[in-house]
C-alpha atoms as a PDB file:
ATOM      1  CA  MET A   1     -57.692  15.860 -85.994  1.00  0.00           C
ATOM      2  CA  VAL A   2     -57.853  13.659 -89.074  1.00  0.00           C
ATOM      3  CA  THR A   3     -57.955  15.628 -92.313  1.00  0.00           C
ATOM      4  CA  THR A   4     -59.525  14.477 -95.576  1.00  0.00           C
ATOM      5  CA  LYS A   5     -56.119  14.320 -97.142  1.00  0.00           C
ATOM      6  CA  SER A   6     -54.814  11.974 -94.455  1.00  0.00           C
ATOM      7  CA  ARG A   7     -57.689   9.561 -95.108  1.00  0.00           C
ATOM      8  CA  GLU A   8     -56.828   9.186 -98.783  1.00  0.00           C
ATOM      9  CA  ARG A   9     -55.125   5.974 -99.745  1.00  0.00           C
ATOM     10  CA  PRO A  10     -51.581   6.415-101.024  1.00  0.00           C
ATOM     11  CA  GLY A  11     -51.410   6.308-104.798  1.00  0.00           C
ATOM     12  CA  ARG A  12     -55.184   6.683-105.340  1.00  0.00           C
ATOM     13  CA  GLU A  13     -56.105   8.985-108.197  1.00  0.00           C
ATOM     14  CA  ARG A  14     -58.014  12.047-107.026  1.00  0.00           C
ATOM     15  CA  LEU A  15     -61.735  11.766-107.640  1.00  0.00           C
ATOM     16  CA  THR A  16     -63.159  14.415-109.971  1.00  0.00           C
ATOM     17  CA  ARG A  17     -66.401  14.914-111.872  1.00  0.00           C
ATOM     18  CA  GLU A  18     -64.595  14.025-115.108  1.00  0.00           C
ATOM     19  CA  ARG A  19     -63.333  10.774-113.650  1.00  0.00           C
ATOM     20  CA  VAL A  20     -66.786   9.849-112.343  1.00  0.00           C
ATOM     21  CA  ILE A  21     -68.409  10.497-115.718  1.00  0.00           C
ATOM     22  CA  ASP A  22     -65.672   8.604-117.563  1.00  0.00           C
ATOM     23  CA  ALA A  23     -66.265   5.640-115.280  1.00  0.00           C
ATOM     24  CA  ALA A  24     -70.022   5.806-115.858  1.00  0.00           C
ATOM     25  CA  LEU A  25     -69.483   5.865-119.619  1.00  0.00           C
ATOM     26  CA  THR A  26     -67.167   2.870-119.357  1.00  0.00           C
ATOM     27  CA  VAL A  27     -69.811   0.946-117.426  1.00  0.00           C
ATOM     28  CA  MET A  28     -72.546   1.884-119.918  1.00  0.00           C
ATOM     29  CA  ASP A  29     -70.497   0.829-122.950  1.00  0.00           C
ATOM     30  CA  ALA A  30     -69.415  -2.446-121.364  1.00  0.00           C
ATOM     31  CA  GLU A  31     -72.527  -3.496-119.461  1.00  0.00           C
ATOM     32  CA  GLY A  32     -75.421  -1.385-120.753  1.00  0.00           C
ATOM     33  CA  LEU A  33     -77.379   1.577-119.466  1.00  0.00           C
ATOM     34  CA  ASP A  34     -79.181  -0.435-116.769  1.00  0.00           C
ATOM     35  CA  ALA A  35     -75.827  -1.139-115.127  1.00  0.00           C
ATOM     36  CA  VAL A  36     -75.133   2.571-114.613  1.00  0.00           C
ATOM     37  CA  THR A  37     -76.004   3.029-110.945  1.00  0.00           C
ATOM     38  CA  MET A  38     -74.302   5.185-108.343  1.00  0.00           C
ATOM     39  CA  ARG A  39     -73.124   2.079-106.521  1.00  0.00           C
ATOM     40  CA  ARG A  40     -71.732   0.439-109.680  1.00  0.00           C
ATOM     41  CA  VAL A  41     -69.913   3.593-110.767  1.00  0.00           C
ATOM     42  CA  ALA A  42     -68.518   4.047-107.259  1.00  0.00           C
ATOM     43  CA  ARG A  43     -67.152   0.529-107.382  1.00  0.00           C
ATOM     44  CA  GLU A  44     -65.577   1.308-110.753  1.00  0.00           C
ATOM     45  CA  VAL A  45     -63.602   4.216-109.287  1.00  0.00           C
ATOM     46  CA  GLY A  46     -62.941   2.488-105.966  1.00  0.00           C
ATOM     47  CA  VAL A  47     -64.959   4.646-103.563  1.00  0.00           C
ATOM     48  CA  GLU A  48     -68.197   4.504-101.605  1.00  0.00           C
ATOM     49  CA  ALA A  49     -71.327   5.593-103.466  1.00  0.00           C
ATOM     50  CA  MET A  50     -71.826   8.616-101.211  1.00  0.00           C
ATOM     51  CA  SER A  51     -68.501  10.034-102.384  1.00  0.00           C
ATOM     52  CA  LEU A  52     -69.912  10.494-105.869  1.00  0.00           C
ATOM     53  CA  TYR A  53     -72.354  13.121-104.613  1.00  0.00           C
ATOM     54  CA  ASN A  54     -69.443  15.490-104.114  1.00  0.00           C
ATOM     55  CA  HIS A  55     -69.088  15.546-107.913  1.00  0.00           C
ATOM     56  CA  VAL A  56     -72.551  14.830-109.368  1.00  0.00           C
ATOM     57  CA  GLU A  57     -75.898  15.952-107.969  1.00  0.00           C
ATOM     58  CA  ASP A  58     -77.700  12.673-108.576  1.00  0.00           C
ATOM     59  CA  LYS A  59     -78.089   9.930-111.148  1.00  0.00           C
ATOM     60  CA  ASP A  60     -79.846  12.266-113.600  1.00  0.00           C
ATOM     61  CA  ASP A  61     -76.876  14.614-113.434  1.00  0.00           C
ATOM     62  CA  LEU A  62     -74.581  11.634-113.996  1.00  0.00           C
ATOM     63  CA  LEU A  63     -76.529  10.588-117.102  1.00  0.00           C
ATOM     64  CA  ARG A  64     -76.494  14.140-118.462  1.00  0.00           C
ATOM     65  CA  GLY A  65     -72.768  14.109-117.939  1.00  0.00           C
ATOM     66  CA  ILE A  66     -72.476  10.964-120.062  1.00  0.00           C
ATOM     67  CA  CYS A  67     -74.473  12.654-122.833  1.00  0.00           C
ATOM     68  CA  ASP A  68     -72.219  15.681-122.705  1.00  0.00           C
ATOM     69  CA  ARG A  69     -69.060  13.592-122.702  1.00  0.00           C
ATOM     70  CA  VAL A  70     -70.099  11.535-125.740  1.00  0.00           C
ATOM     71  CA  MET A  71     -71.381  14.529-127.706  1.00  0.00           C
ATOM     72  CA  GLY A  72     -68.216  16.425-126.872  1.00  0.00           C
ATOM     73  CA  GLY A  73     -66.244  13.652-128.586  1.00  0.00           C
ATOM     74  CA  PHE A  74     -68.043  14.033-131.928  1.00  0.00           C
ATOM     75  CA  GLU A  75     -65.551  13.979-134.823  1.00  0.00           C
ATOM     76  CA  PHE A  76     -66.366  16.942-137.034  1.00  0.00           C
ATOM     77  CA  PRO A  77     -65.674  16.371-140.740  1.00  0.00           C
ATOM     78  CA  GLU A  78     -64.136  18.960-143.025  1.00  0.00           C
ATOM     79  CA  ARG A  79     -66.203  22.113-143.482  1.00  0.00           C
ATOM     80  CA  GLU A  80     -65.021  22.762-147.024  1.00  0.00           C
ATOM     81  CA  GLY A  81     -65.789  21.010-150.317  1.00  0.00           C
ATOM     82  CA  ASP A  82     -68.785  19.491-152.062  1.00  0.00           C
ATOM     83  CA  TRP A  83     -71.958  19.788-149.981  1.00  0.00           C
ATOM     84  CA  ALA A  84     -73.214  16.257-150.638  1.00  0.00           C
ATOM     85  CA  GLU A  85     -69.891  14.684-149.660  1.00  0.00           C
ATOM     86  CA  ARG A  86     -69.690  16.770-146.497  1.00  0.00           C
ATOM     87  CA  ALA A  87     -73.253  15.795-145.585  1.00  0.00           C
ATOM     88  CA  LYS A  88     -72.369  12.134-146.026  1.00  0.00           C
ATOM     89  CA  ALA A  89     -69.219  12.578-143.936  1.00  0.00           C
ATOM     90  CA  GLY A  90     -71.309  14.114-141.167  1.00  0.00           C
ATOM     91  CA  ALA A  91     -73.756  11.204-141.217  1.00  0.00           C
ATOM     92  CA  ARG A  92     -70.866   8.740-141.068  1.00  0.00           C
ATOM     93  CA  ALA A  93     -69.483  10.562-138.026  1.00  0.00           C
ATOM     94  CA  TRP A  94     -72.835  10.242-136.256  1.00  0.00           C
ATOM     95  CA  ARG A  95     -72.941   6.540-137.112  1.00  0.00           C
ATOM     96  CA  ARG A  96     -69.447   5.986-135.710  1.00  0.00           C
ATOM     97  CA  LEU A  97     -70.380   7.791-132.495  1.00  0.00           C
ATOM     98  CA  LEU A  98     -73.485   5.647-131.993  1.00  0.00           C
ATOM     99  CA  GLN A  99     -71.612   2.465-132.894  1.00  0.00           C
ATOM    100  CA  ALA A 100     -69.027   3.266-130.228  1.00  0.00           C
ATOM    101  CA  HIS A 101     -71.736   3.938-127.626  1.00  0.00           C
ATOM    102  CA  PRO A 102     -74.777   1.807-128.577  1.00  0.00           C
ATOM    103  CA  ASP A 103     -76.829   2.696-125.501  1.00  0.00           C
ATOM    104  CA  MET A 104     -76.653   6.418-126.270  1.00  0.00           C
ATOM    105  CA  MET A 105     -79.877   6.146-128.285  1.00  0.00           C
ATOM    106  CA  ARG A 106     -81.686   4.768-125.267  1.00  0.00           C
ATOM    107  CA  LEU A 107     -80.039   7.350-123.034  1.00  0.00           C
ATOM    108  CA  PHE A 108     -81.250  10.157-125.288  1.00  0.00           C
ATOM    109  CA  ALA A 109     -84.759   8.696-125.197  1.00  0.00           C
ATOM    110  CA  GLU A 110     -84.882   8.314-121.410  1.00  0.00           C
ATOM    111  CA  THR A 111     -83.312  11.632-120.425  1.00  0.00           C
ATOM    112  CA  ASP A 112     -83.495  15.256-121.491  1.00  0.00           C
ATOM    113  CA  GLY A 113     -80.373  14.683-123.556  1.00  0.00           C
ATOM    114  CA  PRO A 114     -77.216  16.804-123.429  1.00  0.00           C
ATOM    115  CA  ASP A 115     -77.067  19.760-121.061  1.00  0.00           C
ATOM    116  CA  PRO A 116     -78.237  22.901-122.929  1.00  0.00           C
ATOM    117  CA  ALA A 117     -75.690  24.876-120.928  1.00  0.00           C
ATOM    118  CA  SER A 118     -72.816  22.776-122.280  1.00  0.00           C
ATOM    119  CA  PRO A 119     -71.491  24.256-125.551  1.00  0.00           C
ATOM    120  CA  ASP A 120     -69.484  21.148-126.405  1.00  0.00           C
ATOM    121  CA  SER A 121     -72.578  18.969-126.288  1.00  0.00           C
ATOM    122  CA  LEU A 122     -74.559  21.279-128.587  1.00  0.00           C
ATOM    123  CA  ARG A 123     -71.937  21.771-131.292  1.00  0.00           C
ATOM    124  CA  PRO A 124     -72.689  18.500-133.151  1.00  0.00           C
ATOM    125  CA  THR A 125     -76.367  19.468-133.449  1.00  0.00           C
ATOM    126  CA  GLU A 126     -75.452  22.995-134.515  1.00  0.00           C
ATOM    127  CA  PHE A 127     -73.107  21.519-137.117  1.00  0.00           C
ATOM    128  CA  ALA A 128     -75.729  19.110-138.470  1.00  0.00           C
ATOM    129  CA  LEU A 129     -78.449  21.755-138.709  1.00  0.00           C
ATOM    130  CA  SER A 130     -76.173  24.282-140.394  1.00  0.00           C
ATOM    131  CA  LEU A 131     -74.940  21.695-142.889  1.00  0.00           C
ATOM    132  CA  ILE A 132     -78.455  20.557-143.823  1.00  0.00           C
ATOM    133  CA  HIS A 133     -79.627  24.162-144.100  1.00  0.00           C
ATOM    134  CA  GLU A 134     -76.688  24.911-146.371  1.00  0.00           C
ATOM    135  CA  GLY A 135     -78.126  22.363-148.799  1.00  0.00           C
ATOM    136  CA  GLY A 136     -80.889  24.825-149.638  1.00  0.00           C
ATOM    137  CA  LEU A 137     -83.837  23.698-147.499  1.00  0.00           C
ATOM    138  CA  SER A 138     -86.115  26.147-145.727  1.00  0.00           C
ATOM    139  CA  ASP A 139     -85.767  26.609-141.980  1.00  0.00           C
ATOM    140  CA  ARG A 140     -88.707  24.307-141.236  1.00  0.00           C
ATOM    141  CA  ASP A 141     -87.641  21.676-143.760  1.00  0.00           C
ATOM    142  CA  THR A 142     -84.129  21.744-142.320  1.00  0.00           C
ATOM    143  CA  VAL A 143     -85.482  20.580-138.962  1.00  0.00           C
ATOM    144  CA  GLN A 144     -87.628  17.954-140.710  1.00  0.00           C
ATOM    145  CA  ALA A 145     -84.583  16.653-142.591  1.00  0.00           C
ATOM    146  CA  PHE A 146     -82.527  16.674-139.387  1.00  0.00           C
ATOM    147  CA  HIS A 147     -85.086  14.361-137.775  1.00  0.00           C
ATOM    148  CA  ALA A 148     -85.207  12.162-140.874  1.00  0.00           C
ATOM    149  CA  PHE A 149     -81.427  11.773-140.928  1.00  0.00           C
ATOM    150  CA  GLY A 150     -81.347  11.111-137.191  1.00  0.00           C
ATOM    151  CA  GLY A 151     -84.033   8.462-137.483  1.00  0.00           C
ATOM    152  CA  TYR A 152     -82.234   6.782-140.366  1.00  0.00           C
ATOM    153  CA  ILE A 153     -78.840   6.728-138.659  1.00  0.00           C
ATOM    154  CA  GLN A 154     -80.168   5.604-135.274  1.00  0.00           C
ATOM    155  CA  GLY A 155     -82.393   2.947-136.832  1.00  0.00           C
ATOM    156  CA  PHE A 156     -79.553   1.648-138.965  1.00  0.00           C
ATOM    157  CA  VAL A 157     -77.163   1.382-136.024  1.00  0.00           C
ATOM    158  CA  MET A 158     -79.817  -0.468-134.020  1.00  0.00           C
ATOM    159  CA  MET A 159     -80.429  -2.843-136.921  1.00  0.00           C
ATOM    160  CA  GLU A 160     -76.784  -3.612-137.621  1.00  0.00           C
ATOM    161  CA  GLY A 161     -76.111  -4.198-133.943  1.00  0.00           C
ATOM    162  CA  GLY A 162     -79.078  -6.498-133.348  1.00  0.00           C
ATOM    163  CA  SER A 163     -80.496  -9.839-134.384  1.00  0.00           C
ATOM    164  CA  LEU A 164     -82.605  -8.336-137.174  1.00  0.00           C
ATOM    165  CA  ALA A 165     -79.547  -7.834-139.324  1.00  0.00           C
ATOM    166  CA  GLU A 166     -78.413 -11.430-138.857  1.00  0.00           C
ATOM    167  CA  ARG A 167     -81.894 -12.761-139.579  1.00  0.00           C
ATOM    168  CA  ALA A 168     -82.240 -10.676-142.705  1.00  0.00           C
ATOM    169  CA  LYS A 169     -78.741 -11.387-143.943  1.00  0.00           C
ATOM    170  CA  GLY A 170     -78.492 -15.063-143.111  1.00  0.00           C
ATOM    171  CA  GLY A 171     -82.052 -16.318-142.899  1.00  0.00           C
ATOM    172  CA  PHE A 172     -83.557 -15.112-146.136  1.00  0.00           C
ATOM    173  CA  GLY A 173     -80.324 -15.721-147.985  1.00  0.00           C
ATOM    174  CA  ASP A 174     -80.001 -19.348-146.888  1.00  0.00           C
ATOM    175  CA  GLU A 175     -83.699 -20.161-147.062  1.00  0.00           C
ATOM    176  CA  ALA A 176     -84.702 -18.243-150.171  1.00  0.00           C
ATOM    177  CA  ALA A 177     -85.089 -21.461-152.143  1.00  0.00           C
ATOM    178  CA  ALA A 178     -87.653 -22.750-149.633  1.00  0.00           C
ATOM    179  CA  ILE A 179     -89.912 -19.701-149.889  1.00  0.00           C
ATOM    180  CA  PRO A 180     -93.107 -20.611-151.832  1.00  0.00           C
ATOM    181  CA  ALA A 181     -92.875 -18.504-154.968  1.00  0.00           C
ATOM    182  CA  ASP A 182     -96.606 -18.637-155.634  1.00  0.00           C
ATOM    183  CA  ALA A 183     -97.419 -16.996-152.286  1.00  0.00           C
ATOM    184  CA  PHE A 184     -94.395 -14.703-152.029  1.00  0.00           C
ATOM    185  CA  PRO A 185     -93.095 -14.150-155.577  1.00  0.00           C
ATOM    186  CA  VAL A 186     -91.065 -11.020-154.863  1.00  0.00           C
ATOM    187  CA  LEU A 187     -89.475 -12.384-151.682  1.00  0.00           C
ATOM    188  CA  ALA A 188     -88.650 -15.659-153.415  1.00  0.00           C
ATOM    189  CA  THR A 189     -86.948 -13.776-156.228  1.00  0.00           C
ATOM    190  CA  LEU A 190     -85.093 -11.189-154.158  1.00  0.00           C
ATOM    191  CA  GLY A 191     -84.486 -13.127-150.947  1.00  0.00           C
ATOM    192  CA  ARG A 192     -81.059 -14.343-151.959  1.00  0.00           C
ATOM    193  CA  TYR A 193     -79.753 -10.774-152.089  1.00  0.00           C
ATOM    194  CA  PHE A 194     -80.140 -10.414-148.329  1.00  0.00           C
ATOM    195  CA  ALA A 195     -77.057 -12.581-147.943  1.00  0.00           C
ATOM    196  CA  GLU A 196     -75.082 -10.010-149.935  1.00  0.00           C
ATOM    197  CA  CYS A 197     -75.982  -7.073-147.694  1.00  0.00           C
ATOM    198  CA  ASP A 198     -72.792  -5.432-146.438  1.00  0.00           C
ATOM    199  CA  PRO A 199     -73.560  -2.956-143.623  1.00  0.00           C
ATOM    200  CA  ASP A 200     -71.293  -0.222-144.956  1.00  0.00           C
ATOM    201  CA  GLU A 201     -72.645  -0.588-148.471  1.00  0.00           C
ATOM    202  CA  GLN A 202     -76.207  -0.597-147.142  1.00  0.00           C
ATOM    203  CA  PHE A 203     -75.604   2.551-145.106  1.00  0.00           C
ATOM    204  CA  GLU A 204     -74.070   4.375-148.060  1.00  0.00           C
ATOM    205  CA  PHE A 205     -76.941   3.318-150.325  1.00  0.00           C
ATOM    206  CA  GLY A 206     -79.559   4.719-147.951  1.00  0.00           C
ATOM    207  CA  LEU A 207     -77.498   7.829-147.324  1.00  0.00           C
ATOM    208  CA  ASP A 208     -77.211   8.487-151.035  1.00  0.00           C
ATOM    209  CA  LEU A 209     -80.998   8.175-151.408  1.00  0.00           C
ATOM    210  CA  MET A 210     -81.537  10.739-148.661  1.00  0.00           C
ATOM    211  CA  ILE A 211     -79.023  13.202-150.095  1.00  0.00           C
ATOM    212  CA  ARG A 212     -80.552  12.856-153.550  1.00  0.00           C
ATOM    213  CA  GLY A 213     -83.969  13.399-151.995  1.00  0.00           C
ATOM    214  CA  ILE A 214     -82.859  16.706-150.468  1.00  0.00           C
ATOM    215  CA  GLU A 215     -81.309  17.834-153.737  1.00  0.00           C
ATOM    216  CA  ALA A 216     -84.472  16.924-155.648  1.00  0.00           C
ATOM    217  CA  LYS A 217     -86.685  18.768-153.154  1.00  0.00           C
ATOM    218  CA  VAL A 218     -84.530  21.885-153.273  1.00  0.00           C
ATOM    219  CA  ALA A 219     -84.656  21.845-157.077  1.00  0.00           C
ATOM    220  CA  ALA A 220     -88.445  21.302-157.095  1.00  0.00           C
ATOM    221  CA  ASP A 221     -88.985  24.102-154.569  1.00  0.00           C
ATOM    222  CA  ALA A 222     -86.924  26.453-156.721  1.00  0.00           C
ATOM    223  CA  VAL A 223     -89.104  25.658-159.744  1.00  0.00           C
ATOM    224  CA  ASP A 224     -92.274  26.206-157.696  1.00  0.00           C
ATOM    225  CA  ASP A 225     -90.959  29.513-156.380  1.00  0.00           C
ATOM    226  CA  ALA A 226     -90.077  30.657-159.874  1.00  0.00           C
ATOM    227  CA  ALA A 227     -93.479  29.645-161.203  1.00  0.00           C
ATOM    228  CA  GLY A 228     -95.231  31.500-158.430  1.00  0.00           C
ATOM    229  CA  SER A 229     -93.246  34.728-158.856  1.00  0.00           C
ATOM    230  CA  PRO A 230     -95.031  37.582-160.645  1.00  0.00           C
ATOM    231  CA  ALA A 231     -93.708  38.352-164.108  1.00  0.00           C
ATOM    232  CA  GLU A 232     -91.505  41.464-164.258  1.00  0.00           C
END
């Protein structure tokens, strides 16, 4: 009788769910989400595709595993100190995560996202919501701000990783002098500044605007609440 153990090749690393998901993440980061197939991942770990089903239920389970693995690697910033600086540090951590795994945004959009039963995958969202709420927003506005921050960070990472950034930075900067000032006076005047756009500086500028916006809203809400309170 031939046992499973006797069929294993000498020196081959034992196949586990963690190893399968790591391989899938490697394929996604190197070749894109479309390349993540059971057959491609199997080839990455050196087995037949059917062997993967001993560790993942199907491709959807594999993709959820990638979400969980990436979210579990979120780098939490310090929880003490000035609120605005901690909020900025959190946004930077999200940007770094998405920069390291560009196709995560598409993966989030095409799947149900991280497994709700996986605590590690939910901690970054819990952290972000609690940090925004700490800034003084209402429960509902906290969720609104969470979506606004997420949209800004994801959109920025997509822009800096695509051709739009190069077109905006190089095209307008180099060709600003050729823009007809009578038809496009503002673009003709400001176009040259596109060439000076540093991604990190741009990100920090937008982040500062959003933080200031939250602080201004919290202050305005406090004034409205005080004005609406009955006199004692």
